[in-house]
Protein backbone atom coordinates (compact mmCIF):
# COMPACT_ATOMS: atom_id res chain seq x y z
CA MET A 1 124.73 92.46 119.66
CA THR A 2 123.61 90.00 122.33
CA ALA A 3 125.42 86.64 122.13
CA LEU A 4 123.13 83.61 121.86
CA THR A 5 123.59 80.02 122.98
CA LEU A 6 121.36 76.96 123.08
CA SER A 7 121.58 75.10 126.36
CA THR A 8 120.44 71.73 127.65
CA SER A 9 121.28 72.68 131.24
CA ALA A 10 118.65 72.56 133.95
CA ALA A 11 117.07 75.96 134.56
CA THR A 12 118.03 75.90 138.21
CA GLY A 13 121.65 74.93 137.58
CA LEU A 14 122.77 77.53 135.06
CA ARG A 15 124.77 80.47 136.34
CA ALA A 16 123.32 83.76 135.08
CA ASP A 17 122.36 87.20 136.35
CA ALA A 18 118.69 86.34 135.89
CA LEU A 19 116.52 83.36 135.05
CA VAL A 20 113.56 84.21 132.80
CA VAL A 21 110.35 82.19 133.08
CA GLY A 22 106.99 82.57 131.39
CA VAL A 23 103.71 83.06 133.19
CA ALA A 24 100.34 82.90 131.46
CA LYS A 25 96.98 84.38 132.35
CA GLY A 26 94.70 81.55 133.48
CA ASP A 27 91.03 81.57 134.48
CA LYS A 28 91.92 81.42 138.17
CA GLY A 29 95.09 83.47 138.19
CA PRO A 30 98.64 83.25 136.82
CA VAL A 31 99.91 79.90 135.55
CA VAL A 32 103.60 78.99 135.27
CA ALA A 33 104.37 78.15 131.65
CA PRO A 34 106.21 75.01 130.45
CA GLY A 35 109.98 75.25 130.66
CA ALA A 36 109.95 76.53 134.23
CA GLU A 37 108.93 73.33 136.03
CA ALA A 38 112.22 73.04 137.91
CA VAL A 39 112.00 76.68 138.97
CA ASP A 40 108.48 76.11 140.27
CA GLN A 41 109.73 73.12 142.25
CA ALA A 42 112.41 75.32 143.82
CA PHE A 43 109.54 77.52 145.03
CA ASP A 44 107.91 74.40 146.49
CA GLY A 45 105.31 74.50 143.72
CA LYS A 46 104.11 77.92 144.79
CA LEU A 47 105.68 80.18 142.15
CA ALA A 48 102.28 81.07 140.67
CA SER A 49 100.84 82.03 144.06
CA VAL A 50 103.94 84.08 144.92
CA LEU A 51 103.62 85.94 141.64
CA GLU A 52 99.92 86.55 142.24
CA THR A 53 100.73 87.94 145.69
CA LEU A 54 103.15 90.34 144.02
CA GLY A 55 100.37 91.52 141.68
CA ALA A 56 101.29 89.51 138.61
CA SER A 57 98.47 88.26 136.39
CA GLY A 58 100.33 86.82 133.41
CA ALA A 59 99.17 89.60 131.09
CA GLU A 60 101.23 90.04 127.95
CA GLY A 61 104.26 92.27 128.50
CA GLU A 62 104.04 92.15 132.28
CA VAL A 63 107.37 91.83 134.12
CA THR A 64 107.85 90.70 137.72
CA LYS A 65 111.23 90.34 139.40
CA LEU A 66 111.72 88.30 142.56
CA PRO A 67 114.66 86.86 144.48
CA ALA A 68 115.53 83.31 143.50
CA PRO A 69 115.04 80.64 146.16
CA SER A 70 117.65 78.21 147.43
CA GLY A 71 118.65 75.75 144.74
CA VAL A 72 118.56 78.24 141.87
CA LYS A 73 122.01 79.50 140.87
CA ALA A 74 120.73 82.70 139.28
CA PRO A 75 120.09 85.36 141.97
CA VAL A 76 116.96 86.74 140.29
CA VAL A 77 113.91 85.17 138.67
CA LEU A 78 112.21 87.35 136.08
CA ALA A 79 108.67 86.31 135.21
CA VAL A 80 107.39 87.69 131.93
CA GLY A 81 103.71 87.64 130.98
CA LEU A 82 102.68 85.56 127.98
CA GLY A 83 99.03 86.57 127.86
CA ALA A 84 96.11 84.16 127.71
CA LEU A 85 96.78 80.49 128.36
CA PRO A 86 96.42 78.47 125.13
CA GLU A 87 93.61 75.99 124.72
CA LYS A 88 94.28 72.44 125.88
CA ASP A 89 96.83 70.60 123.72
CA GLU A 90 97.80 73.86 121.96
CA ALA A 91 101.21 75.51 122.22
CA PHE A 92 102.08 79.15 122.74
CA ALA A 93 102.27 81.04 119.45
CA THR A 94 105.74 81.89 118.18
CA GLU A 95 104.86 85.59 118.21
CA THR A 96 103.94 85.29 121.90
CA LEU A 97 107.37 83.83 122.62
CA ARG A 98 109.07 86.44 120.44
CA ARG A 99 107.42 89.30 122.30
CA ALA A 100 108.07 87.78 125.73
CA ALA A 101 111.75 87.33 124.93
CA GLY A 102 111.92 90.92 123.73
CA VAL A 103 110.34 92.21 126.93
CA ALA A 104 112.80 90.18 128.99
CA ALA A 105 115.78 91.46 127.02
CA ARG A 106 114.71 95.06 127.55
CA ALA A 107 114.10 94.47 131.25
CA LEU A 108 117.58 92.98 131.63
CA SER A 109 119.58 95.72 129.94
CA GLY A 110 122.88 96.06 131.76
CA ALA A 111 122.99 92.36 132.67
CA LYS A 112 125.84 90.15 131.51
CA LYS A 113 123.89 86.92 131.10
CA ALA A 114 120.31 85.73 131.16
CA ALA A 115 118.93 82.21 131.00
CA LEU A 116 115.55 81.92 129.29
CA ALA A 117 113.36 79.04 130.46
CA LEU A 118 110.45 79.84 128.15
CA PRO A 119 108.28 77.20 126.44
CA VAL A 120 110.24 75.48 123.64
CA GLU A 121 108.54 72.68 121.76
CA ASP A 122 110.54 72.78 118.55
CA ALA A 123 113.25 74.61 116.63
CA GLU A 124 110.85 77.29 115.45
CA ASP A 125 110.09 78.22 119.06
CA ALA A 126 113.80 78.51 119.82
CA GLY A 127 114.25 80.72 116.75
CA ALA A 128 111.39 82.98 117.80
CA ILE A 129 112.87 83.42 121.28
CA ALA A 130 116.29 84.16 119.79
CA GLU A 131 114.79 86.72 117.43
CA GLY A 132 112.85 88.37 120.25
CA VAL A 133 115.96 88.67 122.41
CA LEU A 134 118.07 90.19 119.64
CA LEU A 135 115.39 92.66 118.59
CA GLY A 136 114.37 93.51 122.14
CA ALA A 137 117.94 94.18 123.26
CA TYR A 138 118.37 96.82 120.52
CA SER A 139 119.38 100.33 121.49
CA PHE A 140 120.48 103.34 119.48
CA ASP A 141 122.94 105.45 121.44
CA ALA A 142 125.42 106.53 118.79
CA TYR A 143 124.71 110.18 119.55
CA LYS A 144 124.36 109.93 123.35
CA GLU A 145 127.86 110.77 124.43
CA THR A 146 128.67 112.78 127.53
CA ALA A 147 131.79 114.90 127.83
CA ALA A 148 133.40 111.97 129.62
CA ALA A 149 132.48 109.62 126.80
CA LYS A 150 134.12 111.92 124.27
CA ALA A 151 137.28 111.64 126.33
CA GLY A 152 137.19 107.87 125.99
CA ALA A 153 134.98 106.83 128.88
CA LYS A 154 132.02 104.48 128.56
CA LYS A 155 128.80 105.91 127.18
CA SER A 156 126.08 106.75 129.65
CA GLY A 157 123.15 104.37 130.11
CA LYS A 158 122.96 100.62 130.45
CA ALA A 159 124.50 98.38 127.83
CA PRO A 160 122.23 95.85 126.11
CA LEU A 161 121.99 92.34 127.55
CA ALA A 162 125.34 90.76 126.75
CA GLU A 163 124.45 87.06 126.53
CA ALA A 164 121.31 84.94 126.47
CA ALA A 165 121.14 81.18 126.92
CA ILE A 166 117.98 79.60 125.51
CA LEU A 167 117.08 76.58 127.60
CA GLY A 168 115.31 73.60 126.11
CA GLY A 169 117.21 73.97 122.85
CA LYS A 170 119.26 71.30 121.13
CA PRO A 171 122.72 72.70 120.34
CA ARG A 172 123.68 69.82 118.03
CA ASP A 173 120.38 69.61 116.17
CA LYS A 174 120.64 70.99 112.62
CA ALA A 175 117.13 72.47 112.69
CA TYR A 176 117.78 74.32 115.94
CA LYS A 177 121.14 75.61 114.75
CA ALA A 178 119.60 76.79 111.49
CA GLU A 179 116.87 78.69 113.31
CA ILE A 180 119.41 80.45 115.53
CA GLU A 181 121.59 81.35 112.54
CA ARG A 182 118.53 82.70 110.75
CA ALA A 183 117.53 84.76 113.78
CA VAL A 184 121.02 86.26 114.06
CA ALA A 185 121.24 87.23 110.38
CA LEU A 186 117.72 88.64 110.30
CA ALA A 187 118.04 90.57 113.56
CA GLU A 188 121.42 92.04 112.66
CA GLU A 189 120.11 93.39 109.36
CA LEU A 190 116.77 94.52 110.81
CA ASN A 191 118.64 96.37 113.56
CA ARG A 192 120.83 97.97 110.89
CA ALA A 193 117.63 99.18 109.21
CA ARG A 194 116.58 100.63 112.58
CA ASP A 195 119.95 102.38 112.85
CA LEU A 196 119.47 103.93 109.41
CA VAL A 197 115.98 105.17 110.28
CA ASN A 198 117.25 106.64 113.56
CA THR A 199 120.30 108.34 112.06
CA PRO A 200 119.86 112.15 111.85
CA PRO A 201 119.40 113.48 108.30
CA ASN A 202 122.50 115.66 108.54
CA ASP A 203 124.49 112.41 108.65
CA LEU A 204 122.33 110.29 106.34
CA ASN A 205 121.72 111.97 103.01
CA PRO A 206 121.24 110.05 99.73
CA GLU A 207 124.96 109.82 99.06
CA ALA A 208 125.69 108.50 102.56
CA PHE A 209 122.91 105.90 102.33
CA ALA A 210 124.29 104.75 98.98
CA ALA A 211 127.74 104.36 100.56
CA VAL A 212 126.26 102.12 103.28
CA ALA A 213 124.71 99.94 100.59
CA GLN A 214 128.00 99.71 98.69
CA ALA A 215 129.87 98.64 101.83
CA ALA A 216 127.28 95.96 102.60
CA GLY A 217 127.47 94.72 99.02
CA LYS A 218 131.22 94.17 99.28
CA GLU A 219 130.79 92.37 102.60
CA HIS A 220 128.06 89.99 101.48
CA GLY A 221 128.69 89.45 97.78
CA ILE A 222 125.85 91.64 96.53
CA LYS A 223 126.29 93.56 93.30
CA VAL A 224 125.59 97.26 93.89
CA GLN A 225 125.04 99.90 91.22
CA VAL A 226 124.60 103.58 92.14
CA LEU A 227 123.13 106.12 89.74
CA ASP A 228 124.20 109.65 90.74
CA GLU A 229 122.58 112.89 89.60
CA LYS A 230 124.41 112.83 86.25
CA ALA A 231 123.31 109.28 85.49
CA LEU A 232 119.78 110.05 86.63
CA THR A 233 119.64 113.07 84.34
CA LYS A 234 120.99 111.08 81.40
CA GLY A 235 118.50 108.28 82.08
CA GLY A 236 115.50 110.59 82.35
CA TYR A 237 114.49 109.87 85.93
CA GLY A 238 112.27 112.93 86.24
CA GLY A 239 110.49 111.80 89.40
CA ILE A 240 113.60 111.24 91.51
CA LEU A 241 115.30 114.34 90.13
CA GLY A 242 112.20 116.46 90.64
CA VAL A 243 111.90 115.52 94.29
CA GLY A 244 115.60 116.09 94.96
CA ALA A 245 115.83 119.34 93.01
CA GLY A 246 115.47 121.59 96.07
CA SER A 247 118.22 119.96 98.13
CA ALA A 248 121.94 120.56 98.29
CA SER A 249 122.25 116.77 98.63
CA ALA A 250 121.77 115.20 95.21
CA PRO A 251 119.49 112.15 94.80
CA ARG A 252 120.57 108.59 94.09
CA LEU A 253 119.03 105.41 92.73
CA VAL A 254 120.72 102.34 94.17
CA LYS A 255 120.33 98.84 92.78
CA LEU A 256 121.31 95.84 94.91
CA SER A 257 121.37 92.46 93.17
CA TYR A 258 121.54 89.15 95.02
CA THR A 259 121.57 86.13 92.73
CA SER A 260 121.47 82.42 93.45
CA SER A 261 122.67 79.79 90.99
CA LYS A 262 119.74 77.59 92.07
CA ALA A 263 117.04 80.24 91.68
CA ASP A 264 114.27 80.14 89.10
CA LYS A 265 112.28 83.07 90.56
CA HIS A 266 113.09 86.77 90.76
CA LEU A 267 111.66 89.27 93.24
CA ALA A 268 112.16 93.04 93.00
CA PHE A 269 111.84 95.11 96.18
CA VAL A 270 111.51 98.88 95.77
CA GLY A 271 111.94 101.24 98.72
CA LYS A 272 111.05 104.88 99.24
CA GLY A 273 114.17 106.60 100.56
CA ILE A 274 113.38 110.22 101.38
CA THR A 275 116.21 110.88 103.82
CA TYR A 276 114.40 114.00 105.04
CA ASP A 277 110.99 115.25 104.05
CA SER A 278 110.21 118.90 104.69
CA GLY A 279 107.27 118.71 102.30
CA GLY A 280 109.17 120.83 99.78
CA ILE A 281 107.42 124.00 98.64
CA SER A 282 104.20 122.51 100.06
CA LEU A 283 105.86 122.79 103.47
CA LYS A 284 104.66 120.56 106.28
CA PRO A 285 102.90 122.36 109.14
CA ALA A 286 104.59 122.91 112.50
CA GLY A 287 104.83 119.73 114.53
CA HIS A 288 105.07 117.43 111.51
CA ASN A 289 108.75 117.86 110.65
CA GLU A 290 110.55 116.52 113.68
CA THR A 291 110.46 112.82 112.80
CA MET A 292 110.78 113.13 109.03
CA LYS A 293 114.18 111.47 109.08
CA CYS A 294 112.11 108.27 109.10
CA ASP A 295 110.77 108.84 105.59
CA MET A 296 113.45 106.52 104.21
CA ALA A 297 112.21 103.54 106.26
CA GLY A 298 110.94 101.78 103.13
CA ALA A 299 114.38 101.90 101.53
CA ALA A 300 115.95 100.75 104.81
CA ALA A 301 113.57 97.77 104.88
CA VAL A 302 114.38 96.82 101.29
CA PHE A 303 118.11 97.15 101.92
CA ALA A 304 117.92 94.95 105.03
CA ALA A 305 115.78 92.33 103.28
CA VAL A 306 118.16 91.96 100.33
CA VAL A 307 121.19 91.62 102.60
CA THR A 308 119.35 89.09 104.77
CA ALA A 309 118.43 87.02 101.70
CA ALA A 310 122.10 87.00 100.73
CA ARG A 311 123.25 86.02 104.20
CA LEU A 312 120.72 83.19 104.32
CA LYS A 313 121.71 82.10 100.79
CA LEU A 314 118.08 81.79 99.73
CA ASP A 315 117.40 80.10 96.40
CA VAL A 316 115.70 83.14 94.89
CA ASN A 317 117.06 86.15 93.00
CA VAL A 318 116.30 89.38 94.83
CA THR A 319 116.86 92.86 93.47
CA GLY A 320 116.51 95.88 95.72
CA TRP A 321 115.91 99.38 94.41
CA LEU A 322 116.52 102.29 96.80
CA ALA A 323 115.01 105.54 95.51
CA LEU A 324 116.92 108.12 97.55
CA ALA A 325 116.29 111.86 97.68
CA GLU A 326 115.92 114.72 100.14
CA ASN A 327 112.75 116.82 99.77
CA MET A 328 113.62 120.42 100.57
CA PRO A 329 112.26 123.89 99.69
CA SER A 330 114.60 126.24 97.84
CA GLY A 331 114.83 128.37 94.73
CA SER A 332 115.54 125.26 92.67
CA ALA A 333 112.79 123.10 94.19
CA THR A 334 109.92 121.63 92.19
CA ARG A 335 106.83 123.85 92.47
CA PRO A 336 103.16 122.93 92.70
CA GLY A 337 101.99 123.11 89.11
CA ASP A 338 105.25 121.86 87.60
CA VAL A 339 105.10 118.90 85.22
CA LEU A 340 107.69 116.13 85.49
CA ARG A 341 108.49 113.65 82.75
CA MET A 342 109.01 110.34 84.50
CA TYR A 343 111.39 107.53 83.60
CA SER A 344 108.51 105.62 82.03
CA GLY A 345 107.75 108.54 79.72
CA LYS A 346 104.51 109.50 81.48
CA THR A 347 104.11 113.10 82.56
CA VAL A 348 102.96 114.00 86.06
CA GLU A 349 101.50 117.31 87.20
CA VAL A 350 102.77 117.98 90.70
CA LEU A 351 99.87 119.45 92.66
CA ASN A 352 101.51 118.90 96.05
CA THR A 353 105.27 118.58 96.56
CA ASP A 354 104.62 116.75 99.83
CA ALA A 355 103.25 113.82 97.80
CA GLU A 356 106.82 113.12 96.78
CA GLY A 357 107.28 109.50 97.75
CA ARG A 358 105.09 108.25 94.94
CA LEU A 359 107.21 110.22 92.46
CA VAL A 360 110.52 108.56 93.38
CA LEU A 361 108.85 105.16 93.64
CA ALA A 362 107.24 105.55 90.22
CA ASP A 363 110.63 105.93 88.57
CA ALA A 364 112.10 102.99 90.47
CA ILE A 365 109.10 100.74 89.78
CA ALA A 366 109.25 101.53 86.08
CA LYS A 367 112.97 100.73 86.03
CA ALA A 368 112.46 97.50 88.01
CA SER A 369 109.75 96.47 85.53
CA GLU A 370 112.28 96.39 82.69
CA GLU A 371 113.79 93.25 84.19
CA THR A 372 110.36 91.53 84.20
CA PRO A 373 110.68 90.03 87.68
CA ASP A 374 108.10 87.54 88.90
CA ALA A 375 106.84 90.18 91.29
CA ILE A 376 107.55 93.74 92.42
CA ILE A 377 106.89 94.80 96.00
CA ASP A 378 107.34 98.43 96.94
CA VAL A 379 107.62 99.57 100.56
CA ALA A 380 107.06 103.12 101.72
CA THR A 381 106.09 105.43 104.54
CA LEU A 382 103.73 106.86 101.97
CA THR A 383 100.57 108.40 103.41
CA GLY A 384 99.17 109.77 106.63
CA ALA A 385 95.84 108.48 105.35
CA MET A 386 97.03 104.91 105.96
CA VAL A 387 97.83 105.79 109.57
CA LEU A 388 94.32 107.17 109.99
CA ALA A 389 92.89 104.00 108.48
CA LEU A 390 94.97 101.34 110.27
CA GLY A 391 96.65 103.04 113.22
CA SER A 392 100.29 103.16 114.20
CA ARG A 393 101.08 99.42 114.34
CA THR A 394 99.56 98.00 111.14
CA PHE A 395 100.66 98.48 107.55
CA GLY A 396 98.41 98.31 104.51
CA ILE A 397 98.82 95.94 101.56
CA MET A 398 97.57 96.76 98.07
CA ALA A 399 98.17 94.63 94.99
CA ASN A 400 97.11 94.05 91.41
CA ASP A 401 96.67 90.34 92.17
CA ASP A 402 94.43 89.07 94.98
CA ALA A 403 96.35 85.82 95.51
CA PHE A 404 99.65 87.66 95.77
CA ARG A 405 98.18 90.15 98.23
CA SER A 406 97.01 87.19 100.33
CA SER A 407 100.50 85.64 100.21
CA ILE A 408 102.02 88.84 101.53
CA HIS A 409 99.38 89.09 104.26
CA GLU A 410 100.04 85.47 105.26
CA SER A 411 103.78 86.14 105.31
CA ALA A 412 103.29 89.15 107.56
CA GLU A 413 101.12 87.14 109.94
CA GLU A 414 103.66 84.32 110.06
CA VAL A 415 106.43 86.63 111.26
CA GLY A 416 104.27 88.69 113.61
CA GLU A 417 103.98 91.94 111.63
CA PRO A 418 100.43 93.35 111.78
CA ALA A 419 99.17 94.09 108.27
CA TRP A 420 95.84 94.38 106.47
CA PRO A 421 94.73 93.96 102.83
CA MET A 422 93.45 97.15 101.21
CA PRO A 423 91.57 97.65 97.92
CA LEU A 424 92.46 99.63 94.81
CA PRO A 425 89.08 101.13 93.77
CA ALA A 426 89.29 102.11 90.10
CA ASP A 427 86.81 104.96 90.56
CA LEU A 428 89.41 106.92 92.54
CA LEU A 429 91.57 107.21 89.42
CA LYS A 430 89.32 109.97 88.11
CA GLY A 431 90.50 112.29 90.86
CA MET A 432 94.04 112.19 89.44
CA GLU A 433 93.04 113.36 85.98
CA SER A 434 95.05 116.37 84.82
CA ALA A 435 94.28 118.88 82.09
CA THR A 436 98.02 119.43 81.63
CA ALA A 437 99.72 116.05 82.06
CA ASP A 438 99.02 112.34 81.82
CA ILE A 439 98.25 112.16 85.52
CA ALA A 440 98.42 114.30 88.67
CA ASN A 441 100.24 113.24 91.82
CA MET A 442 97.17 113.99 93.95
CA GLY A 443 93.56 112.85 93.87
CA GLU A 444 90.62 112.75 96.22
CA ARG A 445 91.41 113.49 99.86
CA MET A 446 89.19 110.69 101.13
CA GLY A 447 90.90 107.35 100.56
CA GLY A 448 94.24 109.08 100.11
CA GLY A 449 96.23 105.95 100.87
CA LEU A 450 94.36 104.06 98.15
CA VAL A 451 94.85 106.95 95.70
CA ALA A 452 98.62 106.69 96.25
CA GLY A 453 98.50 102.97 95.50
CA LEU A 454 96.52 103.58 92.30
CA PHE A 455 99.09 106.16 91.22
CA LEU A 456 101.94 103.69 91.67
CA GLN A 457 100.06 100.98 89.78
CA GLU A 458 100.19 103.21 86.69
CA PHE A 459 103.97 102.70 86.53
CA VAL A 460 104.06 98.91 86.89
CA GLY A 461 105.10 97.09 83.74
CA GLU A 462 102.34 95.29 81.85
CA GLY A 463 101.66 91.78 83.11
CA ILE A 464 103.89 92.08 86.19
CA THR A 465 102.54 91.06 89.58
CA TRP A 466 102.90 93.98 92.01
CA ALA A 467 102.14 94.91 95.58
CA HIS A 468 102.47 98.08 97.62
CA LEU A 469 103.12 98.13 101.38
CA ASP A 470 102.32 101.43 103.10
CA ILE A 471 104.24 101.29 106.39
CA ALA A 472 103.61 104.91 107.42
CA GLY A 473 102.11 103.82 110.74
CA PRO A 474 104.48 101.17 112.15
CA ALA A 475 107.80 102.35 110.66
CA PHE A 476 108.56 104.80 113.47
CA ASN A 477 107.37 104.29 117.04
CA GLU A 478 106.88 107.64 118.75
CA SER A 479 105.45 106.11 121.93
CA GLY A 480 107.15 103.84 124.47
CA PRO A 481 108.76 100.49 123.62
CA PHE A 482 106.65 97.33 123.66
CA GLY A 483 107.48 93.67 123.13
CA TYR A 484 110.62 93.60 121.00
CA THR A 485 109.77 96.96 119.39
CA PRO A 486 111.86 99.95 120.51
CA LYS A 487 111.04 103.61 120.45
CA GLY A 488 112.09 105.16 117.13
CA GLY A 489 112.85 103.15 114.01
CA THR A 490 111.25 99.70 114.08
CA GLY A 491 112.43 97.93 110.93
CA SER A 492 108.83 97.41 109.82
CA ALA A 493 108.31 95.11 106.79
CA VAL A 494 111.83 93.64 106.83
CA ARG A 495 110.62 90.31 108.22
CA THR A 496 107.66 90.19 105.86
CA LEU A 497 109.91 90.70 102.84
CA VAL A 498 112.34 88.06 104.05
CA ARG A 499 109.56 85.55 104.68
CA LEU A 500 108.13 86.27 101.22
CA ALA A 501 111.57 85.59 99.74
CA GLU A 502 111.80 82.34 101.73
CA ARG A 503 108.36 81.25 100.55
CA THR A 504 109.26 82.09 96.95
CA ALA A 505 112.46 80.08 97.21
CA ALA A 506 110.35 77.17 98.45
CA GLY A 507 108.00 77.48 95.46
CA ASP A 508 105.16 79.13 97.38
CA LEU A 509 104.75 82.43 95.54
CA GLY A 510 101.05 83.37 95.50
C-alpha cells in the first residue's frame, strides 16, 4: 500500500515525481486553492490562467498535468479539480479533499513519490487526504499475470503510487498523527474488503472466507468462532442451511468478537455473505450472473469494520456475524414451495430461491439478538429494488428506531458515503402472508426493498434497536472509477460502520 508521510517542507522544495495542487471552480474561471501559494508564485502568479488556457475549469475530478516551472523541484505539476469554490470564510469539505486525493493517486499510478499541496486547515483535513490517497491508489491485479509474470517477472500494468507526502501537516502533532494512523488502518481493511469482493467465487467459497476471518482474528486479537455445516445443523440454522443446500461448498456462520475493557456499549454487525448467487432453482436470467461474486459484500464490510475497530482500539464491544453460503441449483437445492424452519423457530415458505439473502441474515440476526446488544446493524447487497430506488451510488437505511436511523445517516454523511433513510410501511407485511408457514420470503413486487427490510425485522429480538443497510447499488462499481472509488468492489458501508462504532464509543449512539 502507498506509504504516507506528513511534511512541513515547502511545496516547491520537495523532491517528488509530481506536485499535486488543488484548483476550484470560481465564478470567473479556475482558482488556485490554498496550499499551492508557493507553486502559484513559481508561475509568476499565473497558474490559474495557464490552467484555464489548457482547458481546466476546476470541476470536481478534473486532472490537468503541466511541466513545472523553474524553482519547483518536482518535474510535473498535477492540478486536480475540487469543484465549486466554498463560500467566503468556509473551508473545503473533507469529502472534497478525500475525492481529490483519490483522483490524484489514480492519475499518478506508476509514480514513486507524489507531494500533495492540497488545502489543509486541521488534522481532519490531513486524515481525509491520506484516506483518499490510500483508497484511490487501490488496484486488484492478483489474477492479471502474463506468462512472463508466472516465470517471476513483474506483473503487467502500472504499480500503485508508492509514496505520498502530505504537505501542510504537522508530523509531531498528536492529532495529525492519530488521523494518519486511523486512515491507514481503515484504508487497509477497506481495501481488504474490496479484495474479498473482487476475488472469483472459485477461490472464495464460505470455507475460504471463514479462513480469512480466522487469520485476521489471530493477527489482531479478535476472537473468531466458525460454525460449519454440522454445527449449523445441530443448532437449527434452517435459513443458512437452506440457501447453501444446493452447493458443493458447505455454508458457514462466522462470529468475530472484539471486546474493550473500557466499553459499556455493544454493537452487533451482521453481513450477508453469499459468495456466489446463481439465484438457485429460481435461476437468474442471462446477463445477471456475471458479477454475482459481489453478493458477499455485506459480510466483507462487516468483517472489515470489526477488524478496523480492533486496530483502532475503540472503546466499544463489536461483534460481527458473517452469514456465508453459496446459492446454487442442484438436486439437493431448496425448491420454491419448500418450508424452512429458521433458527428463531419461525417457519418460512420459500417462494423464490433468489430471495436468499434475507434467509441467511434472518438466522444471523436471530442469533445476534440472543446477546442483547445495544444495536444490531445488518449490511447486505439485498435487493435490485433498492438500486432502482436510489441508483448505483447510494445505499438505503431502514430501522425500527427513527433516531438510530438518523444516527446512521449522519455517520454515512460524515464519512462521505451517500445513503438515504427509507421507511418500513407496515401495510406491506400482508403481502408476505403464507397459508403454509409463518411468513413467506417474498411479498409485493412494488417496494421490494422495503418488503425485504420488513422480513428481516421479524427476526430481530424484542426490544433491540436494529437497522438494515441495503448496499446493492454502491457495493460493486461496474462503470469506470471515480474519486477514490475503483471499478469493481468498493468497500461500501465499511466507513459508515466504523464511524458508528466511533460515535458509540464516544457516547453518541442515537
